[in-house]
Amino acid sequence: MWHPNLFTVNYKVEYEHNPENILTYRLNDIMTAMCLFRLFYLFRFLLTITKYKSSRAARACRMYGEQSNYKFSLVCVFNENPFVFLFFILIIFLVFFSYEIRIFEW
């Protein structure tokens, strides 16, 4: 017996106020959009290789009663180069959300 491919199954979302407008998304589009959230791990890795996640920074944080986590690294990188940081975040969001719009506009 033949089974349909899981990634070609269409899911329909109907609006209650107008049943003529029906949005159809393929499961493959939704899974591709979810895979883009892996950029978070890349961003965390980039924060890990900064000097603010070193053992020296962790010792300084313990001395002053701070937590040496990713939030601390993010704030330190932002304080060191705010315009470069904001430009980098802008480019990442621009690429990410433009690709998301491209996926769901088809």
C-alpha atoms as a PDB file:
ATOM      1  CA  MET A   1       0.000   0.000   0.000  1.00  0.00           C
ATOM      2  CA  TRP A   2       1.258   3.456  -0.905  1.00  0.00           C
ATOM      3  CA  HIS A   3       1.641   6.077   1.864  1.00  0.00           C
ATOM      4  CA  PRO A   4       1.851   9.811   1.141  1.00  0.00           C
ATOM      5  CA  ASN A   5       5.123  11.571   1.781  1.00  0.00           C
ATOM      6  CA  LEU A   6       5.014  13.328   5.127  1.00  0.00           C
ATOM      7  CA  PHE A   7       6.637  16.487   3.771  1.00  0.00           C
ATOM      8  CA  THR A   8       4.097  17.009   1.008  1.00  0.00           C
ATOM      9  CA  VAL A   9       1.081  16.942   3.299  1.00  0.00           C
ATOM     10  CA  ASN A  10      -0.651  20.310   3.310  1.00  0.00           C
ATOM     11  CA  TYR A  11      -2.068  21.758   6.467  1.00  0.00           C
ATOM     12  CA  LYS A  12      -4.829  24.306   6.113  1.00  0.00           C
ATOM     13  CA  VAL A  13      -5.528  27.119   8.502  1.00  0.00           C
ATOM     14  CA  GLU A  14      -8.945  28.681   8.083  1.00  0.00           C
ATOM     15  CA  TYR A  15      -9.969  32.060   9.371  1.00  0.00           C
ATOM     16  CA  GLU A  16     -13.264  32.106  11.230  1.00  0.00           C
ATOM     17  CA  HIS A  17     -14.385  35.504   9.989  1.00  0.00           C
ATOM     18  CA  ASN A  18     -13.882  34.680   6.309  1.00  0.00           C
ATOM     19  CA  PRO A  19     -13.868  31.007   5.274  1.00  0.00           C
ATOM     20  CA  GLU A  20     -12.785  31.898   1.729  1.00  0.00           C
ATOM     21  CA  ASN A  21      -9.303  32.928   2.888  1.00  0.00           C
ATOM     22  CA  ILE A  22      -7.409  29.719   3.494  1.00  0.00           C
ATOM     23  CA  LEU A  23      -3.696  29.604   4.232  1.00  0.00           C
ATOM     24  CA  THR A  24      -1.888  26.442   3.246  1.00  0.00           C
ATOM     25  CA  TYR A  25       1.563  25.586   4.584  1.00  0.00           C
ATOM     26  CA  ARG A  26       3.536  22.491   3.759  1.00  0.00           C
ATOM     27  CA  LEU A  27       5.058  20.729   6.721  1.00  0.00           C
ATOM     28  CA  ASN A  28       8.434  21.077   5.037  1.00  0.00           C
ATOM     29  CA  ASP A  29       8.151  24.869   5.209  1.00  0.00           C
ATOM     30  CA  ILE A  30       7.380  24.767   8.904  1.00  0.00           C
ATOM     31  CA  MET A  31      10.278  22.406   9.625  1.00  0.00           C
ATOM     32  CA  THR A  32      12.661  24.618   7.615  1.00  0.00           C
ATOM     33  CA  ALA A  33      11.591  27.626   9.635  1.00  0.00           C
ATOM     34  CA  MET A  34      12.194  25.720  12.851  1.00  0.00           C
ATOM     35  CA  CYS A  35      15.668  24.678  11.669  1.00  0.00           C
ATOM     36  CA  LEU A  36      16.596  28.326  11.342  1.00  0.00           C
ATOM     37  CA  PHE A  37      16.301  28.641  15.107  1.00  0.00           C
ATOM     38  CA  ARG A  38      19.610  26.783  15.259  1.00  0.00           C
ATOM     39  CA  LEU A  39      21.207  30.168  14.684  1.00  0.00           C
ATOM     40  CA  PHE A  40      20.760  30.605  18.414  1.00  0.00           C
ATOM     41  CA  TYR A  41      23.374  27.902  18.990  1.00  0.00           C
ATOM     42  CA  LEU A  42      25.780  29.627  16.606  1.00  0.00           C
ATOM     43  CA  PHE A  43      25.284  32.869  18.498  1.00  0.00           C
ATOM     44  CA  ARG A  44      25.930  31.106  21.802  1.00  0.00           C
ATOM     45  CA  PHE A  45      29.088  29.571  20.377  1.00  0.00           C
ATOM     46  CA  LEU A  46      30.332  32.987  19.293  1.00  0.00           C
ATOM     47  CA  LEU A  47      29.765  34.240  22.826  1.00  0.00           C
ATOM     48  CA  THR A  48      31.644  31.238  24.209  1.00  0.00           C
ATOM     49  CA  ILE A  49      34.832  32.030  22.310  1.00  0.00           C
ATOM     50  CA  THR A  50      34.994  35.595  23.597  1.00  0.00           C
ATOM     51  CA  LYS A  51      37.314  36.571  26.421  1.00  0.00           C
ATOM     52  CA  TYR A  52      34.316  37.013  28.720  1.00  0.00           C
ATOM     53  CA  LYS A  53      33.693  33.258  29.013  1.00  0.00           C
ATOM     54  CA  SER A  54      37.248  32.460  30.098  1.00  0.00           C
ATOM     55  CA  SER A  55      38.240  31.126  33.501  1.00  0.00           C
ATOM     56  CA  ARG A  56      39.727  34.513  34.376  1.00  0.00           C
ATOM     57  CA  ALA A  57      36.417  36.250  33.705  1.00  0.00           C
ATOM     58  CA  ALA A  58      34.597  33.602  35.758  1.00  0.00           C
ATOM     59  CA  ARG A  59      36.982  34.182  38.677  1.00  0.00           C
ATOM     60  CA  ALA A  60      36.481  37.959  38.452  1.00  0.00           C
ATOM     61  CA  CYS A  61      32.713  37.425  38.415  1.00  0.00           C
ATOM     62  CA  ARG A  62      32.910  35.262  41.539  1.00  0.00           C
ATOM     63  CA  MET A  63      34.987  37.942  43.283  1.00  0.00           C
ATOM     64  CA  TYR A  64      32.367  40.589  42.578  1.00  0.00           C
ATOM     65  CA  GLY A  65      29.345  38.358  43.143  1.00  0.00           C
ATOM     66  CA  GLU A  66      28.196  38.201  39.530  1.00  0.00           C
ATOM     67  CA  GLN A  67      27.175  35.173  37.509  1.00  0.00           C
ATOM     68  CA  SER A  68      29.419  34.248  34.597  1.00  0.00           C
ATOM     69  CA  ASN A  69      26.758  33.251  32.088  1.00  0.00           C
ATOM     70  CA  TYR A  70      25.814  34.136  28.513  1.00  0.00           C
ATOM     71  CA  LYS A  71      23.952  37.244  29.605  1.00  0.00           C
ATOM     72  CA  PHE A  72      27.131  38.562  31.207  1.00  0.00           C
ATOM     73  CA  SER A  73      29.094  37.842  28.010  1.00  0.00           C
ATOM     74  CA  LEU A  74      26.451  39.502  25.871  1.00  0.00           C
ATOM     75  CA  VAL A  75      26.432  42.659  28.001  1.00  0.00           C
ATOM     76  CA  CYS A  76      30.239  42.826  28.005  1.00  0.00           C
ATOM     77  CA  VAL A  77      30.467  42.452  24.229  1.00  0.00           C
ATOM     78  CA  PHE A  78      27.800  45.124  23.830  1.00  0.00           C
ATOM     79  CA  ASN A  79      29.628  47.495  26.192  1.00  0.00           C
ATOM     80  CA  GLU A  80      32.929  46.958  24.391  1.00  0.00           C
ATOM     81  CA  ASN A  81      31.678  47.618  20.823  1.00  0.00           C
ATOM     82  CA  PRO A  82      28.044  48.716  20.805  1.00  0.00           C
ATOM     83  CA  PHE A  83      27.832  49.746  17.133  1.00  0.00           C
ATOM     84  CA  VAL A  84      29.531  46.604  15.835  1.00  0.00           C
ATOM     85  CA  PHE A  85      27.300  44.480  18.056  1.00  0.00           C
ATOM     86  CA  LEU A  86      24.122  46.213  16.906  1.00  0.00           C
ATOM     87  CA  PHE A  87      25.206  45.974  13.266  1.00  0.00           C
ATOM     88  CA  PHE A  88      25.891  42.252  13.673  1.00  0.00           C
ATOM     89  CA  ILE A  89      22.492  41.678  15.322  1.00  0.00           C
ATOM     90  CA  LEU A  90      20.765  43.722  12.608  1.00  0.00           C
ATOM     91  CA  ILE A  91      22.363  41.664   9.836  1.00  0.00           C
ATOM     92  CA  ILE A  92      21.491  38.377  11.557  1.00  0.00           C
ATOM     93  CA  PHE A  93      17.848  39.397  12.047  1.00  0.00           C
ATOM     94  CA  LEU A  94      17.599  40.778   8.525  1.00  0.00           C
ATOM     95  CA  VAL A  95      18.786  37.520   6.989  1.00  0.00           C
ATOM     96  CA  PHE A  96      16.771  35.361   9.357  1.00  0.00           C
ATOM     97  CA  PHE A  97      13.433  37.133   9.014  1.00  0.00           C
ATOM     98  CA  SER A  98      13.750  37.769   5.285  1.00  0.00           C
ATOM     99  CA  TYR A  99      14.229  34.043   4.770  1.00  0.00           C
ATOM    100  CA  GLU A 100      11.257  33.349   7.042  1.00  0.00           C
ATOM    101  CA  ILE A 101       9.105  35.700   4.984  1.00  0.00           C
ATOM    102  CA  ARG A 102      10.317  34.057   1.790  1.00  0.00           C
ATOM    103  CA  ILE A 103       9.294  30.638   3.101  1.00  0.00           C
ATOM    104  CA  PHE A 104       5.809  31.626   4.177  1.00  0.00           C
ATOM    105  CA  GLU A 105       4.963  33.992   1.333  1.00  0.00           C
ATOM    106  CA  TRP A 106       4.955  31.266  -1.325  1.00  0.00           C
END
